[in-house]
PDB file of N, CA and C in Angstrom:
ATOM      1  N   UNK A   1      42.670  41.226 -13.623  1.00  0.00           N
ATOM      2  CA  UNK A   1      41.285  41.058 -14.028  1.00  0.00           C
ATOM      3  C   UNK A   1      41.014  39.627 -14.403  1.00  0.00           C
ATOM      4  N   UNK A   2      42.001  38.913 -14.859  1.00  0.00           N
ATOM      5  CA  UNK A   2      41.784  37.538 -15.360  1.00  0.00           C
ATOM      6  C   UNK A   2      41.524  36.674 -14.124  1.00  0.00           C
ATOM      7  N   UNK A   3      42.044  37.010 -12.950  1.00  0.00           N
ATOM      8  CA  UNK A   3      41.852  36.205 -11.793  1.00  0.00           C
ATOM      9  C   UNK A   3      40.454  36.141 -11.232  1.00  0.00           C
ATOM     10  N   UNK A   4      39.729  37.223 -11.134  1.00  0.00           N
ATOM     11  CA  UNK A   4      38.318  37.088 -10.709  1.00  0.00           C
ATOM     12  C   UNK A   4      37.496  36.244 -11.688  1.00  0.00           C
ATOM     13  N   UNK A   5      37.757  36.329 -12.909  1.00  0.00           N
ATOM     14  CA  UNK A   5      36.920  35.501 -13.876  1.00  0.00           C
ATOM     15  C   UNK A   5      37.319  34.064 -13.514  1.00  0.00           C
ATOM     16  N   UNK A   6      38.478  33.658 -13.185  1.00  0.00           N
ATOM     17  CA  UNK A   6      38.854  32.345 -12.822  1.00  0.00           C
ATOM     18  C   UNK A   6      38.051  31.863 -11.528  1.00  0.00           C
ATOM     19  N   UNK A   7      37.984  32.769 -10.596  1.00  0.00           N
ATOM     20  CA  UNK A   7      37.284  32.462  -9.369  1.00  0.00           C
ATOM     21  C   UNK A   7      35.740  32.266  -9.699  1.00  0.00           C
ATOM     22  N   UNK A   8      35.208  33.034 -10.637  1.00  0.00           N
ATOM     23  CA  UNK A   8      33.810  32.822 -10.976  1.00  0.00           C
ATOM     24  C   UNK A   8      33.604  31.566 -11.738  1.00  0.00           C
ATOM     25  N   UNK A   9      34.560  31.161 -12.528  1.00  0.00           N
ATOM     26  CA  UNK A   9      34.563  29.869 -13.235  1.00  0.00           C
ATOM     27  C   UNK A   9      34.550  28.689 -12.187  1.00  0.00           C
ATOM     28  N   UNK A  10      35.460  28.842 -11.118  1.00  0.00           N
ATOM     29  CA  UNK A  10      35.572  27.771 -10.130  1.00  0.00           C
ATOM     30  C   UNK A  10      34.229  27.675  -9.431  1.00  0.00           C
ATOM     31  N   UNK A  11      33.672  28.834  -9.075  1.00  0.00           N
ATOM     32  CA  UNK A  11      32.392  28.845  -8.250  1.00  0.00           C
ATOM     33  C   UNK A  11      31.347  28.229  -9.199  1.00  0.00           C
ATOM     34  N   UNK A  12      31.314  28.551 -10.422  1.00  0.00           N
ATOM     35  CA  UNK A  12      30.280  28.016 -11.374  1.00  0.00           C
ATOM     36  C   UNK A  12      30.358  26.530 -11.529  1.00  0.00           C
ATOM     37  N   UNK A  13      31.673  26.059 -11.532  1.00  0.00           N
ATOM     38  CA  UNK A  13      31.978  24.648 -11.612  1.00  0.00           C
ATOM     39  C   UNK A  13      31.494  23.899 -10.368  1.00  0.00           C
ATOM     40  N   UNK A  14      31.773  24.492  -9.237  1.00  0.00           N
ATOM     41  CA  UNK A  14      31.320  23.914  -7.943  1.00  0.00           C
ATOM     42  C   UNK A  14      29.879  23.842  -7.888  1.00  0.00           C
ATOM     43  N   UNK A  15      29.186  24.921  -8.208  1.00  0.00           N
ATOM     44  CA  UNK A  15      27.694  24.909  -8.153  1.00  0.00           C
ATOM     45  C   UNK A  15      27.085  23.883  -9.197  1.00  0.00           C
ATOM     46  N   UNK A  16      27.823  23.709 -10.270  1.00  0.00           N
ATOM     47  CA  UNK A  16      27.234  22.785 -11.260  1.00  0.00           C
ATOM     48  C   UNK A  16      27.407  21.326 -10.721  1.00  0.00           C
ATOM     49  N   UNK A  17      28.504  21.052 -10.072  1.00  0.00           N
ATOM     50  CA  UNK A  17      28.753  19.753  -9.456  1.00  0.00           C
ATOM     51  C   UNK A  17      27.744  19.583  -8.375  1.00  0.00           C
ATOM     52  N   UNK A  18      27.507  20.523  -7.551  1.00  0.00           N
ATOM     53  CA  UNK A  18      26.465  20.394  -6.471  1.00  0.00           C
ATOM     54  C   UNK A  18      25.123  20.109  -7.044  1.00  0.00           C
ATOM     55  N   UNK A  19      24.800  20.806  -8.068  1.00  0.00           N
ATOM     56  CA  UNK A  19      23.414  20.595  -8.820  1.00  0.00           C
ATOM     57  C   UNK A  19      23.377  19.110  -9.323  1.00  0.00           C
ATOM     58  N   UNK A  20      24.404  18.615  -9.972  1.00  0.00           N
ATOM     59  CA  UNK A  20      24.508  17.237 -10.508  1.00  0.00           C
ATOM     60  C   UNK A  20      24.288  16.234  -9.347  1.00  0.00           C
ATOM     61  N   UNK A  21      24.939  16.515  -8.256  1.00  0.00           N
ATOM     62  CA  UNK A  21      24.897  15.605  -7.043  1.00  0.00           C
ATOM     63  C   UNK A  21      23.462  15.609  -6.495  1.00  0.00           C
ATOM     64  N   UNK A  22      22.860  16.797  -6.499  1.00  0.00           N
ATOM     65  CA  UNK A  22      21.473  16.888  -5.985  1.00  0.00           C
ATOM     66  C   UNK A  22      20.500  16.155  -6.940  1.00  0.00           C
ATOM     67  N   UNK A  23      20.674  16.243  -8.188  1.00  0.00           N
ATOM     68  CA  UNK A  23      19.847  15.530  -9.145  1.00  0.00           C
ATOM     69  C   UNK A  23      19.977  13.987  -8.963  1.00  0.00           C
ATOM     70  N   UNK A  24      21.230  13.541  -8.701  1.00  0.00           N
ATOM     71  CA  UNK A  24      21.494  12.136  -8.521  1.00  0.00           C
ATOM     72  C   UNK A  24      20.836  11.674  -7.185  1.00  0.00           C
ATOM     73  N   UNK A  25      20.968  12.486  -6.199  1.00  0.00           N
ATOM     74  CA  UNK A  25      20.395  12.136  -4.836  1.00  0.00           C
ATOM     75  C   UNK A  25      18.878  12.076  -5.045  1.00  0.00           C
ATOM     76  N   UNK A  26      18.276  12.974  -5.732  1.00  0.00           N
ATOM     77  CA  UNK A  26      16.852  13.012  -6.001  1.00  0.00           C
ATOM     78  C   UNK A  26      16.398  11.730  -6.620  1.00  0.00           C
ATOM     79  N   UNK A  27      16.998  11.299  -7.630  1.00  0.00           N
ATOM     80  CA  UNK A  27      16.599  10.009  -8.262  1.00  0.00           C
ATOM     81  C   UNK A  27      16.798   8.814  -7.381  1.00  0.00           C
ATOM     82  N   UNK A  28      17.841   8.803  -6.545  1.00  0.00           N
ATOM     83  CA  UNK A  28      18.099   7.677  -5.632  1.00  0.00           C
ATOM     84  C   UNK A  28      16.934   7.679  -4.601  1.00  0.00           C
ATOM     85  N   UNK A  29      16.690   8.833  -3.986  1.00  0.00           N
ATOM     86  CA  UNK A  29      15.616   8.975  -3.048  1.00  0.00           C
ATOM     87  C   UNK A  29      14.264   8.526  -3.618  1.00  0.00           C
ATOM     88  N   UNK A  30      13.984   8.998  -4.786  1.00  0.00           N
ATOM     89  CA  UNK A  30      12.722   8.647  -5.409  1.00  0.00           C
ATOM     90  C   UNK A  30      12.575   7.140  -5.563  1.00  0.00           C
ATOM     91  N   UNK A  31      13.602   6.432  -6.057  1.00  0.00           N
ATOM     92  CA  UNK A  31      13.631   4.967  -6.108  1.00  0.00           C
ATOM     93  C   UNK A  31      13.460   4.296  -4.806  1.00  0.00           C
ATOM     94  N   UNK A  32      14.116   4.832  -3.873  1.00  0.00           N
ATOM     95  CA  UNK A  32      14.093   4.239  -2.487  1.00  0.00           C
ATOM     96  C   UNK A  32      12.670   4.430  -1.872  1.00  0.00           C
ATOM     97  N   UNK A  33      12.124   5.614  -2.005  1.00  0.00           N
ATOM     98  CA  UNK A  33      10.821   5.785  -1.443  1.00  0.00           C
ATOM     99  C   UNK A  33       9.722   5.034  -2.232  1.00  0.00           C
ATOM    100  N   UNK A  34       9.911   4.894  -3.545  1.00  0.00           N
ATOM    101  CA  UNK A  34       8.967   4.073  -4.337  1.00  0.00           C
ATOM    102  C   UNK A  34       9.022   2.672  -3.820  1.00  0.00           C
ATOM    103  N   UNK A  35      10.201   2.076  -3.643  1.00  0.00           N
ATOM    104  CA  UNK A  35      10.299   0.715  -3.119  1.00  0.00           C
ATOM    105  C   UNK A  35       9.667   0.606  -1.771  1.00  0.00           C
ATOM    106  N   UNK A  36       9.918   1.560  -0.890  1.00  0.00           N
ATOM    107  CA  UNK A  36       9.386   1.542   0.463  1.00  0.00           C
ATOM    108  C   UNK A  36       7.879   1.671   0.463  1.00  0.00           C
ATOM    109  N   UNK A  37       7.285   2.537  -0.390  1.00  0.00           N
ATOM    110  CA  UNK A  37       5.900   2.739  -0.524  1.00  0.00           C
ATOM    111  C   UNK A  37       5.249   1.310  -0.959  1.00  0.00           C
ATOM    112  N   UNK A  38       5.838   0.710  -2.020  1.00  0.00           N
ATOM    113  CA  UNK A  38       5.312  -0.571  -2.476  1.00  0.00           C
ATOM    114  C   UNK A  38       5.432  -1.579  -1.372  1.00  0.00           C
ATOM    115  N   UNK A  39       6.494  -1.637  -0.578  1.00  0.00           N
ATOM    116  CA  UNK A  39       6.610  -2.583   0.415  1.00  0.00           C
ATOM    117  C   UNK A  39       5.542  -2.353   1.486  1.00  0.00           C
ATOM    118  N   UNK A  40       5.287  -1.094   1.932  1.00  0.00           N
ATOM    119  CA  UNK A  40       4.284  -0.765   2.936  1.00  0.00           C
ATOM    120  C   UNK A  40       2.921  -1.137   2.463  1.00  0.00           C
ATOM    121  N   UNK A  41       2.670  -0.871   1.172  1.00  0.00           N
ATOM    122  CA  UNK A  41       1.300  -1.251   0.638  1.00  0.00           C
ATOM    123  C   UNK A  41       1.128  -2.793   0.634  1.00  0.00           C
ATOM    124  N   UNK A  42       2.084  -3.519   0.300  1.00  0.00           N
ATOM    125  CA  UNK A  42       2.069  -5.001   0.378  1.00  0.00           C
ATOM    126  C   UNK A  42       1.816  -5.456   1.875  1.00  0.00           C
ATOM    127  N   UNK A  43       2.497  -4.825   2.815  1.00  0.00           N
ATOM    128  CA  UNK A  43       2.303  -5.258   4.219  1.00  0.00           C
ATOM    129  C   UNK A  43       0.819  -4.929   4.672  1.00  0.00           C
ATOM    130  N   UNK A  44       0.350  -3.790   4.364  1.00  0.00           N
ATOM    131  CA  UNK A  44      -1.028  -3.397   4.689  1.00  0.00           C
ATOM    132  C   UNK A  44      -2.083  -4.327   4.053  1.00  0.00           C
ATOM    133  N   UNK A  45      -1.810  -4.641   2.802  1.00  0.00           N
ATOM    134  CA  UNK A  45      -2.629  -5.529   2.055  1.00  0.00           C
ATOM    135  C   UNK A  45      -2.747  -6.903   2.804  1.00  0.00           C
ATOM    136  N   UNK A  46      -1.519  -7.458   3.178  1.00  0.00           N
ATOM    137  CA  UNK A  46      -1.474  -8.714   3.921  1.00  0.00           C
ATOM    138  C   UNK A  46      -2.230  -8.580   5.312  1.00  0.00           C
ATOM    139  N   UNK A  47      -2.010  -7.432   5.928  1.00  0.00           N
ATOM    140  CA  UNK A  47      -2.730  -7.230   7.247  1.00  0.00           C
ATOM    141  C   UNK A  47      -4.232  -7.266   7.119  1.00  0.00           C
ATOM    142  N   UNK A  48      -4.695  -6.830   5.989  1.00  0.00           N
ATOM    143  CA  UNK A  48      -6.161  -6.827   5.748  1.00  0.00           C
ATOM    144  C   UNK A  48      -6.709  -8.155   5.261  1.00  0.00           C
ATOM    145  N   UNK A  49      -5.835  -8.886   4.560  1.00  0.00           N
ATOM    146  CA  UNK A  49      -6.227 -10.182   4.042  1.00  0.00           C
ATOM    147  C   UNK A  49      -6.463 -11.251   5.133  1.00  0.00           C
ATOM    148  N   UNK A  50      -5.593 -11.236   6.080  1.00  0.00           N
ATOM    149  CA  UNK A  50      -5.629 -12.244   7.216  1.00  0.00           C
ATOM    150  C   UNK A  50      -6.962 -12.208   7.918  1.00  0.00           C
ATOM    151  N   UNK A  51      -7.409 -10.964   8.412  1.00  0.00           N
ATOM    152  CA  UNK A  51      -8.762 -10.838   9.067  1.00  0.00           C
ATOM    153  C   UNK A  51      -9.832 -11.241   8.136  1.00  0.00           C
ATOM    154  N   UNK A  52      -9.803 -10.864   6.916  1.00  0.00           N
ATOM    155  CA  UNK A  52     -10.952 -11.289   6.025  1.00  0.00           C
ATOM    156  C   UNK A  52     -11.038 -12.730   5.906  1.00  0.00           C
ATOM    157  N   UNK A  53      -9.870 -13.406   5.812  1.00  0.00           N
ATOM    158  CA  UNK A  53      -9.970 -14.913   5.743  1.00  0.00           C
ATOM    159  C   UNK A  53     -10.365 -15.554   7.089  1.00  0.00           C
ATOM    160  N   UNK A  54     -10.090 -14.917   8.179  1.00  0.00           N
ATOM    161  CA  UNK A  54     -10.582 -15.374   9.449  1.00  0.00           C
ATOM    162  C   UNK A  54     -12.113 -15.267   9.545  1.00  0.00           C
ATOM    163  N   UNK A  55     -12.605 -14.103   9.112  1.00  0.00           N
ATOM    164  CA  UNK A  55     -13.976 -13.928   9.164  1.00  0.00           C
ATOM    165  C   UNK A  55     -14.741 -14.709   8.262  1.00  0.00           C
ATOM    166  N   UNK A  56     -14.273 -15.013   7.104  1.00  0.00           N
ATOM    167  CA  UNK A  56     -14.848 -16.020   6.206  1.00  0.00           C
ATOM    168  C   UNK A  56     -14.901 -17.388   6.751  1.00  0.00           C
ATOM    169  N   UNK A  57     -13.777 -17.828   7.414  1.00  0.00           N
ATOM    170  CA  UNK A  57     -13.810 -19.093   8.067  1.00  0.00           C
ATOM    171  C   UNK A  57     -14.840 -19.154   9.130  1.00  0.00           C
ATOM    172  N   UNK A  58     -14.880 -18.086   9.995  1.00  0.00           N
ATOM    173  CA  UNK A  58     -15.945 -18.125  11.036  1.00  0.00           C
ATOM    174  C   UNK A  58     -17.341 -18.140  10.474  1.00  0.00           C
ATOM    175  N   UNK A  59     -17.598 -17.344   9.342  1.00  0.00           N
ATOM    176  CA  UNK A  59     -18.918 -17.369   8.775  1.00  0.00           C
ATOM    177  C   UNK A  59     -19.226 -18.717   8.258  1.00  0.00           C
ATOM    178  N   UNK A  60     -18.262 -19.433   7.625  1.00  0.00           N
ATOM    179  CA  UNK A  60     -18.568 -20.839   7.155  1.00  0.00           C
ATOM    180  C   UNK A  60     -18.897 -21.744   8.275  1.00  0.00           C
ATOM    181  N   UNK A  61     -18.195 -21.577   9.445  1.00  0.00           N
ATOM    182  CA  UNK A  61     -18.385 -22.477  10.609  1.00  0.00           C
ATOM    183  C   UNK A  61     -19.850 -22.177  11.117  1.00  0.00           C
ATOM    184  N   UNK A  62     -20.216 -20.940  11.202  1.00  0.00           N
ATOM    185  CA  UNK A  62     -21.591 -20.476  11.688  1.00  0.00           C
ATOM    186  C   UNK A  62     -22.651 -21.050  10.714  1.00  0.00           C
ATOM    187  N   UNK A  63     -22.359 -20.940   9.441  1.00  0.00           N
ATOM    188  CA  UNK A  63     -23.374 -21.397   8.482  1.00  0.00           C
ATOM    189  C   UNK A  63     -23.497 -22.916   8.534  1.00  0.00           C
ATOM    190  N   UNK A  64     -22.329 -23.629   8.652  1.00  0.00           N
ATOM    191  CA  UNK A  64     -22.491 -25.108   8.910  1.00  0.00           C
ATOM    192  C   UNK A  64     -23.149 -25.549  10.117  1.00  0.00           C
ATOM    193  N   UNK A  65     -22.995 -24.848  11.246  1.00  0.00           N
ATOM    194  CA  UNK A  65     -23.637 -25.175  12.505  1.00  0.00           C
ATOM    195  C   UNK A  65     -25.057 -24.824  12.424  1.00  0.00           C
ATOM    196  N   UNK A  66     -25.337 -23.620  11.699  1.00  0.00           N
ATOM    197  CA  UNK A  66     -26.814 -23.254  11.558  1.00  0.00           C
ATOM    198  C   UNK A  66     -27.482 -24.235  10.731  1.00  0.00           C
ATOM    199  N   UNK A  67     -26.903 -24.745   9.606  1.00  0.00           N
ATOM    200  CA  UNK A  67     -27.553 -25.637   8.750  1.00  0.00           C
ATOM    201  C   UNK A  67     -27.776 -26.953   9.449  1.00  0.00           C
ATOM    202  N   UNK A  68     -26.828 -27.330  10.346  1.00  0.00           N
ATOM    203  CA  UNK A  68     -27.005 -28.589  11.074  1.00  0.00           C
ATOM    204  C   UNK A  68     -28.171 -28.508  12.042  1.00  0.00           C
ATOM    205  N   UNK A  69     -28.459 -27.345  12.599  1.00  0.00           N
ATOM    206  CA  UNK A  69     -29.520 -27.161  13.521  1.00  0.00           C
ATOM    207  C   UNK A  69     -30.750 -26.667  12.901  1.00  0.00           C
ATOM    208  N   UNK A  70     -30.862 -26.440  11.589  1.00  0.00           N
ATOM    209  CA  UNK A  70     -31.984 -25.990  10.984  1.00  0.00           C
ATOM    210  C   UNK A  70     -32.329 -24.538  11.144  1.00  0.00           C
ATOM    211  N   UNK A  71     -31.388 -23.720  11.601  1.00  0.00           N
ATOM    212  CA  UNK A  71     -31.617 -22.305  11.859  1.00  0.00           C
ATOM    213  C   UNK A  71     -31.400 -21.451  10.545  1.00  0.00           C
ATOM    214  N   UNK A  72     -30.738 -22.004   9.607  1.00  0.00           N
ATOM    215  CA  UNK A  72     -30.287 -21.218   8.405  1.00  0.00           C
ATOM    216  C   UNK A  72     -31.529 -20.605   7.639  1.00  0.00           C
ATOM    217  N   UNK A  73     -32.585 -21.432   7.549  1.00  0.00           N
ATOM    218  CA  UNK A  73     -33.785 -20.832   6.823  1.00  0.00           C
ATOM    219  C   UNK A  73     -34.246 -19.535   7.320  1.00  0.00           C
ATOM    220  N   UNK A  74     -34.217 -19.411   8.631  1.00  0.00           N
ATOM    221  CA  UNK A  74     -34.711 -18.149   9.344  1.00  0.00           C
ATOM    222  C   UNK A  74     -33.956 -16.912   8.938  1.00  0.00           C
ATOM    223  N   UNK A  75     -32.646 -17.114   8.731  1.00  0.00           N
ATOM    224  CA  UNK A  75     -31.785 -16.035   8.504  1.00  0.00           C
ATOM    225  C   UNK A  75     -31.187 -15.901   7.209  1.00  0.00           C
ATOM    226  N   UNK A  76     -31.770 -16.571   6.160  1.00  0.00           N
ATOM    227  CA  UNK A  76     -31.200 -16.643   4.796  1.00  0.00           C
ATOM    228  C   UNK A  76     -31.260 -15.248   4.202  1.00  0.00           C
ATOM    229  N   UNK A  77     -32.302 -14.490   4.407  1.00  0.00           N
ATOM    230  CA  UNK A  77     -32.326 -13.100   3.859  1.00  0.00           C
ATOM    231  C   UNK A  77     -31.146 -12.221   4.396  1.00  0.00           C
ATOM    232  N   UNK A  78     -30.919 -12.311   5.678  1.00  0.00           N
ATOM    233  CA  UNK A  78     -29.856 -11.550   6.319  1.00  0.00           C
ATOM    234  C   UNK A  78     -28.582 -12.067   5.788  1.00  0.00           C
ATOM    235  N   UNK A  79     -28.386 -13.347   5.579  1.00  0.00           N
ATOM    236  CA  UNK A  79     -27.143 -13.842   5.058  1.00  0.00           C
ATOM    237  C   UNK A  79     -26.850 -13.330   3.642  1.00  0.00           C
ATOM    238  N   UNK A  80     -27.904 -13.230   2.783  1.00  0.00           N
ATOM    239  CA  UNK A  80     -27.737 -12.721   1.429  1.00  0.00           C
ATOM    240  C   UNK A  80     -27.318 -11.276   1.478  1.00  0.00           C
ATOM    241  N   UNK A  81     -27.888 -10.494   2.349  1.00  0.00           N
ATOM    242  CA  UNK A  81     -27.521  -9.094   2.484  1.00  0.00           C
ATOM    243  C   UNK A  81     -26.036  -8.972   2.960  1.00  0.00           C
ATOM    244  N   UNK A  82     -25.652  -9.831   3.889  1.00  0.00           N
ATOM    245  CA  UNK A  82     -24.243  -9.753   4.376  1.00  0.00           C
ATOM    246  C   UNK A  82     -23.342 -10.142   3.243  1.00  0.00           C
ATOM    247  N   UNK A  83     -23.670 -11.116   2.497  1.00  0.00           N
ATOM    248  CA  UNK A  83     -22.759 -11.478   1.318  1.00  0.00           C
ATOM    249  C   UNK A  83     -22.650 -10.380   0.290  1.00  0.00           C
ATOM    250  N   UNK A  84     -23.841  -9.689   0.067  1.00  0.00           N
ATOM    251  CA  UNK A  84     -23.799  -8.557  -0.828  1.00  0.00           C
ATOM    252  C   UNK A  84     -22.884  -7.456  -0.325  1.00  0.00           C
ATOM    253  N   UNK A  85     -22.992  -7.209   0.934  1.00  0.00           N
ATOM    254  CA  UNK A  85     -22.158  -6.140   1.549  1.00  0.00           C
ATOM    255  C   UNK A  85     -20.709  -6.526   1.527  1.00  0.00           C
ATOM    256  N   UNK A  86     -20.380  -7.829   1.856  1.00  0.00           N
ATOM    257  CA  UNK A  86     -19.012  -8.265   1.731  1.00  0.00           C
ATOM    258  C   UNK A  86     -18.477  -8.156   0.349  1.00  0.00           C
ATOM    259  N   UNK A  87     -19.184  -8.427  -0.647  1.00  0.00           N
ATOM    260  CA  UNK A  87     -18.740  -8.236  -2.042  1.00  0.00           C
ATOM    261  C   UNK A  87     -18.492  -6.827  -2.332  1.00  0.00           C
ATOM    262  N   UNK A  88     -19.438  -5.971  -1.833  1.00  0.00           N
ATOM    263  CA  UNK A  88     -19.283  -4.531  -2.089  1.00  0.00           C
ATOM    264  C   UNK A  88     -18.036  -3.958  -1.399  1.00  0.00           C
ATOM    265  N   UNK A  89     -17.754  -4.409  -0.190  1.00  0.00           N
ATOM    266  CA  UNK A  89     -16.560  -4.007   0.532  1.00  0.00           C
ATOM    267  C   UNK A  89     -15.236  -4.481  -0.094  1.00  0.00           C
ATOM    268  N   UNK A  90     -15.365  -5.514  -0.830  1.00  0.00           N
ATOM    269  CA  UNK A  90     -14.170  -6.052  -1.518  1.00  0.00           C
ATOM    270  C   UNK A  90     -13.603  -5.100  -2.585  1.00  0.00           C
ATOM    271  N   UNK A  91     -14.433  -4.194  -3.082  1.00  0.00           N
ATOM    272  CA  UNK A  91     -13.993  -3.316  -4.123  1.00  0.00           C
ATOM    273  C   UNK A  91     -13.705  -1.990  -3.386  1.00  0.00           C
TER     274      UNK A  91
END
């Protein structure tokens, strides 16, 4: 009768070890996925920043050319609306 109790204790010990390993694995995976999520967010932010910078440069070139040709006054209201939208999209 003592032997089955020993088997139960062995089984309980094994299950406890498995549970501890699963908890450790969970914490490692959580840290790994957290780092991966942060990395992916940074990459996506960089992907969005580059086109915005290019668009700003193009807008500046167009404004400079328009000012040089005297076209800027005609479109100044549209330009202010575009800047307001750009500011709004930044948030």
